[in-house]
Structures are given as structure tokens and as C-alpha cells.
Amino acid sequence: MNKYQQSIQEELDLHQMTKDEARQEVRAFLDEAETLGYKKIRIITGKGIHSESGVGVLNSYVKELLDNAGYKYCNAKYNEGGEGAIDVSIR
């Protein structure tokens, strides 16, 4: 195990949210994480398997928001949500 690996300090679950709701929640969550001095957070988007189309839309949408804001991120480990969760490094 990497002794420098940071653990997740807080999570935001976006299940059942629209893109507009998710955008507002993600922005507020990132602001709060920065204010509280967090180093690593997780945003749970889900994989979309229960959506009407069976395809998730929030994961790619949130990644676009993070890209535009200059955050570094990666998918969570497989046993921690995999492609349905995004681990974000706070600046």
C-alpha cells in the first residue's frame, strides 16, 4: 500500500439528479471541500444501469465540469464504485 495515498474525506452522491441539479451540487461540493481543506473527495455518479436508456449521462458530464474547472480526477477503484464514481484531488 502506498503510504502517501490519500483517503477519501467526503462523498457526494448524485443518483437521481438531473444535469442541472448535479451541476449545482458539484460546484457547491467543490467549494466546500476547498474551504474545509480537503485533499481528496469522491463524486458518485452511478453507471446509469437503472436509467431509462441504460446509459449514464452524469459521469461524463461531471468529468467535463471538472476538466473545465482544472481539477485532477480518476475513476474510483473497482471495489469502491469503479466507473460510477470519480475521485477528485482538491487543489
N, C-alpha and C. Protein backbone atom coordinates (compact mmCIF):
# COMPACT_ATOMS: atom_id res chain seq x y z
N MET A 1 0.85 -1.18 0.00
CA MET A 1 0.00 0.00 0.00
C MET A 1 0.89 1.24 0.00
N ASN A 2 0.52 2.20 -0.76
CA ASN A 2 1.26 3.45 -0.87
C ASN A 2 1.02 4.29 0.38
N LYS A 3 2.10 4.59 1.13
CA LYS A 3 1.92 5.34 2.37
C LYS A 3 1.52 6.79 2.12
N TYR A 4 1.65 7.26 0.88
CA TYR A 4 1.27 8.62 0.54
C TYR A 4 -0.13 8.72 -0.05
N GLN A 5 -0.76 7.59 -0.25
CA GLN A 5 -2.09 7.59 -0.84
C GLN A 5 -3.07 8.29 0.11
N GLN A 6 -3.88 9.16 -0.42
CA GLN A 6 -4.84 9.90 0.39
C GLN A 6 -6.18 9.19 0.39
N SER A 7 -6.82 9.17 1.53
CA SER A 7 -8.13 8.56 1.61
C SER A 7 -9.20 9.61 1.28
N ILE A 8 -10.34 9.13 0.90
CA ILE A 8 -11.46 9.99 0.55
C ILE A 8 -11.97 10.65 1.83
N GLN A 9 -12.11 11.95 1.81
CA GLN A 9 -12.53 12.67 3.00
C GLN A 9 -14.03 12.97 3.03
N GLU A 10 -14.66 12.98 1.86
CA GLU A 10 -16.10 13.25 1.80
C GLU A 10 -16.63 12.76 0.45
N GLU A 11 -17.92 12.40 0.43
CA GLU A 11 -18.55 11.92 -0.81
C GLU A 11 -19.81 12.73 -1.11
N LEU A 12 -20.09 12.83 -2.39
CA LEU A 12 -21.34 13.44 -2.87
C LEU A 12 -22.00 12.42 -3.79
N ASP A 13 -23.25 12.08 -3.50
CA ASP A 13 -23.98 11.10 -4.31
C ASP A 13 -24.98 11.82 -5.21
N LEU A 14 -24.82 11.67 -6.50
CA LEU A 14 -25.67 12.36 -7.48
C LEU A 14 -26.79 11.49 -8.03
N HIS A 15 -26.97 10.29 -7.51
CA HIS A 15 -28.04 9.43 -8.01
C HIS A 15 -29.37 10.17 -8.04
N GLN A 16 -30.13 9.95 -9.09
CA GLN A 16 -31.47 10.51 -9.29
C GLN A 16 -31.49 12.01 -9.60
N MET A 17 -30.34 12.62 -9.82
CA MET A 17 -30.30 14.05 -10.12
C MET A 17 -30.28 14.30 -11.62
N THR A 18 -30.80 15.46 -12.00
CA THR A 18 -30.68 15.91 -13.38
C THR A 18 -29.31 16.55 -13.56
N LYS A 19 -28.97 16.88 -14.79
CA LYS A 19 -27.69 17.56 -15.05
C LYS A 19 -27.65 18.91 -14.33
N ASP A 20 -28.74 19.66 -14.38
CA ASP A 20 -28.76 20.97 -13.73
C ASP A 20 -28.58 20.84 -12.22
N GLU A 21 -29.29 19.89 -11.62
CA GLU A 21 -29.15 19.67 -10.18
C GLU A 21 -27.72 19.24 -9.85
N ALA A 22 -27.19 18.33 -10.65
CA ALA A 22 -25.83 17.82 -10.42
C ALA A 22 -24.81 18.94 -10.53
N ARG A 23 -24.94 19.81 -11.52
CA ARG A 23 -24.00 20.92 -11.70
C ARG A 23 -23.97 21.80 -10.45
N GLN A 24 -25.12 22.15 -9.94
CA GLN A 24 -25.20 22.99 -8.74
C GLN A 24 -24.58 22.29 -7.54
N GLU A 25 -24.90 21.02 -7.35
CA GLU A 25 -24.38 20.26 -6.21
C GLU A 25 -22.87 20.08 -6.30
N VAL A 26 -22.37 19.79 -7.49
CA VAL A 26 -20.93 19.58 -7.66
C VAL A 26 -20.17 20.88 -7.38
N ARG A 27 -20.65 21.97 -7.90
CA ARG A 27 -19.98 23.26 -7.66
C ARG A 27 -19.94 23.59 -6.17
N ALA A 28 -21.07 23.43 -5.50
CA ALA A 28 -21.13 23.71 -4.06
C ALA A 28 -20.23 22.75 -3.28
N PHE A 29 -20.20 21.49 -3.68
CA PHE A 29 -19.38 20.48 -3.01
C PHE A 29 -17.89 20.79 -3.17
N LEU A 30 -17.49 21.18 -4.36
CA LEU A 30 -16.08 21.53 -4.60
C LEU A 30 -15.69 22.76 -3.79
N ASP A 31 -16.55 23.76 -3.75
CA ASP A 31 -16.28 24.96 -2.96
C ASP A 31 -16.13 24.61 -1.49
N GLU A 32 -17.04 23.78 -1.00
CA GLU A 32 -16.99 23.38 0.41
C GLU A 32 -15.72 22.58 0.71
N ALA A 33 -15.35 21.68 -0.18
CA ALA A 33 -14.15 20.87 0.02
C ALA A 33 -12.91 21.75 0.08
N GLU A 34 -12.85 22.75 -0.78
CA GLU A 34 -11.71 23.67 -0.76
C GLU A 34 -11.69 24.48 0.54
N THR A 35 -12.85 24.97 0.95
CA THR A 35 -12.95 25.76 2.18
C THR A 35 -12.53 24.94 3.40
N LEU A 36 -12.91 23.67 3.43
CA LEU A 36 -12.60 22.81 4.57
C LEU A 36 -11.20 22.21 4.50
N GLY A 37 -10.50 22.46 3.40
CA GLY A 37 -9.13 21.97 3.27
C GLY A 37 -9.00 20.50 2.93
N TYR A 38 -10.04 19.93 2.35
CA TYR A 38 -9.97 18.52 1.93
C TYR A 38 -8.96 18.37 0.81
N LYS A 39 -8.36 17.20 0.74
CA LYS A 39 -7.40 16.89 -0.32
C LYS A 39 -8.00 15.97 -1.38
N LYS A 40 -8.90 15.07 -0.97
CA LYS A 40 -9.47 14.11 -1.91
C LYS A 40 -10.93 13.84 -1.56
N ILE A 41 -11.77 13.95 -2.57
CA ILE A 41 -13.20 13.71 -2.41
C ILE A 41 -13.68 12.75 -3.49
N ARG A 42 -14.87 12.23 -3.30
CA ARG A 42 -15.46 11.32 -4.29
C ARG A 42 -16.84 11.84 -4.68
N ILE A 43 -17.09 11.82 -5.99
CA ILE A 43 -18.41 12.17 -6.53
C ILE A 43 -18.99 10.91 -7.14
N ILE A 44 -20.11 10.46 -6.60
CA ILE A 44 -20.76 9.23 -7.08
C ILE A 44 -21.80 9.62 -8.12
N THR A 45 -21.56 9.17 -9.34
CA THR A 45 -22.47 9.49 -10.43
C THR A 45 -23.37 8.32 -10.80
N GLY A 46 -22.97 7.13 -10.45
CA GLY A 46 -23.67 5.94 -10.89
C GLY A 46 -23.24 5.57 -12.30
N LYS A 47 -23.62 4.39 -12.70
CA LYS A 47 -23.23 3.89 -14.02
C LYS A 47 -24.36 3.99 -15.04
N GLY A 48 -25.54 4.40 -14.58
CA GLY A 48 -26.67 4.56 -15.49
C GLY A 48 -27.44 3.29 -15.76
N ILE A 49 -27.16 2.22 -15.03
CA ILE A 49 -27.83 0.95 -15.33
C ILE A 49 -29.33 0.96 -15.00
N HIS A 50 -29.77 1.90 -14.17
CA HIS A 50 -31.19 1.99 -13.84
C HIS A 50 -31.88 3.15 -14.56
N SER A 51 -31.15 3.83 -15.44
CA SER A 51 -31.77 4.93 -16.18
C SER A 51 -32.65 4.37 -17.29
N GLU A 52 -33.50 5.22 -17.82
CA GLU A 52 -34.42 4.78 -18.86
C GLU A 52 -33.69 4.20 -20.06
N SER A 53 -32.58 4.82 -20.44
CA SER A 53 -31.83 4.35 -21.61
C SER A 53 -30.79 3.30 -21.24
N GLY A 54 -30.53 3.14 -19.94
CA GLY A 54 -29.50 2.19 -19.51
C GLY A 54 -28.10 2.74 -19.67
N VAL A 55 -28.00 4.01 -20.01
CA VAL A 55 -26.71 4.66 -20.21
C VAL A 55 -26.60 5.85 -19.26
N GLY A 56 -25.50 5.91 -18.53
CA GLY A 56 -25.30 7.02 -17.61
C GLY A 56 -24.91 8.29 -18.34
N VAL A 57 -25.42 9.42 -17.89
CA VAL A 57 -25.07 10.70 -18.50
C VAL A 57 -24.28 11.58 -17.53
N LEU A 58 -24.44 11.34 -16.24
CA LEU A 58 -23.81 12.23 -15.27
C LEU A 58 -22.31 12.06 -15.18
N ASN A 59 -21.80 10.85 -15.38
CA ASN A 59 -20.36 10.63 -15.23
C ASN A 59 -19.57 11.48 -16.20
N SER A 60 -19.90 11.40 -17.46
CA SER A 60 -19.16 12.19 -18.45
C SER A 60 -19.43 13.69 -18.26
N TYR A 61 -20.63 14.03 -17.85
CA TYR A 61 -20.98 15.43 -17.62
C TYR A 61 -20.15 16.01 -16.47
N VAL A 62 -20.05 15.27 -15.37
CA VAL A 62 -19.27 15.74 -14.22
C VAL A 62 -17.79 15.83 -14.58
N LYS A 63 -17.29 14.87 -15.33
CA LYS A 63 -15.88 14.92 -15.76
C LYS A 63 -15.62 16.16 -16.61
N GLU A 64 -16.57 16.53 -17.44
CA GLU A 64 -16.44 17.75 -18.24
C GLU A 64 -16.39 18.99 -17.34
N LEU A 65 -17.26 19.01 -16.32
CA LEU A 65 -17.24 20.12 -15.36
C LEU A 65 -15.88 20.21 -14.66
N LEU A 66 -15.36 19.06 -14.25
CA LEU A 66 -14.07 19.02 -13.56
C LEU A 66 -12.94 19.46 -14.49
N ASP A 67 -12.98 19.01 -15.73
CA ASP A 67 -11.97 19.43 -16.72
C ASP A 67 -11.99 20.95 -16.89
N ASN A 68 -13.18 21.49 -17.07
CA ASN A 68 -13.32 22.93 -17.29
C ASN A 68 -12.84 23.75 -16.10
N ALA A 69 -12.93 23.18 -14.90
CA ALA A 69 -12.52 23.88 -13.69
C ALA A 69 -11.06 23.57 -13.31
N GLY A 70 -10.41 22.68 -14.08
CA GLY A 70 -9.00 22.40 -13.85
C GLY A 70 -8.68 21.41 -12.74
N TYR A 71 -9.63 20.57 -12.37
CA TYR A 71 -9.39 19.57 -11.33
C TYR A 71 -8.78 18.31 -11.92
N LYS A 72 -7.96 17.63 -11.12
CA LYS A 72 -7.43 16.31 -11.49
C LYS A 72 -8.35 15.28 -10.85
N TYR A 73 -8.62 14.21 -11.60
CA TYR A 73 -9.54 13.19 -11.12
C TYR A 73 -9.25 11.85 -11.79
N CYS A 74 -9.84 10.80 -11.25
CA CYS A 74 -9.78 9.47 -11.86
C CYS A 74 -11.00 8.68 -11.40
N ASN A 75 -11.29 7.60 -12.10
CA ASN A 75 -12.37 6.72 -11.65
C ASN A 75 -11.95 6.10 -10.33
N ALA A 76 -12.92 5.84 -9.47
CA ALA A 76 -12.64 5.16 -8.22
C ALA A 76 -12.17 3.73 -8.51
N LYS A 77 -11.54 3.12 -7.53
CA LYS A 77 -11.15 1.72 -7.68
C LYS A 77 -12.40 0.89 -7.91
N TYR A 78 -12.21 -0.25 -8.56
CA TYR A 78 -13.33 -1.11 -8.94
C TYR A 78 -14.23 -1.42 -7.74
N ASN A 79 -13.63 -1.77 -6.60
CA ASN A 79 -14.41 -2.16 -5.43
C ASN A 79 -14.95 -0.95 -4.65
N GLU A 80 -14.69 0.26 -5.14
CA GLU A 80 -15.18 1.47 -4.50
C GLU A 80 -16.09 2.28 -5.43
N GLY A 81 -16.59 1.66 -6.46
CA GLY A 81 -17.51 2.33 -7.38
C GLY A 81 -17.09 2.30 -8.83
N GLY A 82 -15.80 2.08 -9.07
CA GLY A 82 -15.31 1.99 -10.44
C GLY A 82 -15.74 3.15 -11.30
N GLU A 83 -16.29 2.85 -12.46
CA GLU A 83 -16.69 3.89 -13.41
C GLU A 83 -17.92 4.68 -12.96
N GLY A 84 -18.51 4.29 -11.84
CA GLY A 84 -19.67 5.02 -11.34
C GLY A 84 -19.33 6.03 -10.26
N ALA A 85 -18.03 6.21 -10.02
CA ALA A 85 -17.59 7.17 -9.00
C ALA A 85 -16.29 7.82 -9.45
N ILE A 86 -16.14 9.08 -9.12
CA ILE A 86 -14.97 9.85 -9.55
C ILE A 86 -14.25 10.36 -8.30
N ASP A 87 -12.96 10.05 -8.19
CA ASP A 87 -12.13 10.55 -7.11
C ASP A 87 -11.45 11.83 -7.59
N VAL A 88 -11.62 12.90 -6.84
CA VAL A 88 -11.16 14.22 -7.24
C VAL A 88 -10.09 14.72 -6.26
N SER A 89 -8.98 15.19 -6.80
CA SER A 89 -7.95 15.83 -5.99
C SER A 89 -8.26 17.31 -5.91
N ILE A 90 -8.30 17.82 -4.69
CA ILE A 90 -8.59 19.23 -4.48
C ILE A 90 -7.29 20.01 -4.47
N ARG A 91 -7.29 21.15 -5.11
CA ARG A 91 -6.07 21.94 -5.25
C ARG A 91 -5.61 22.50 -3.93
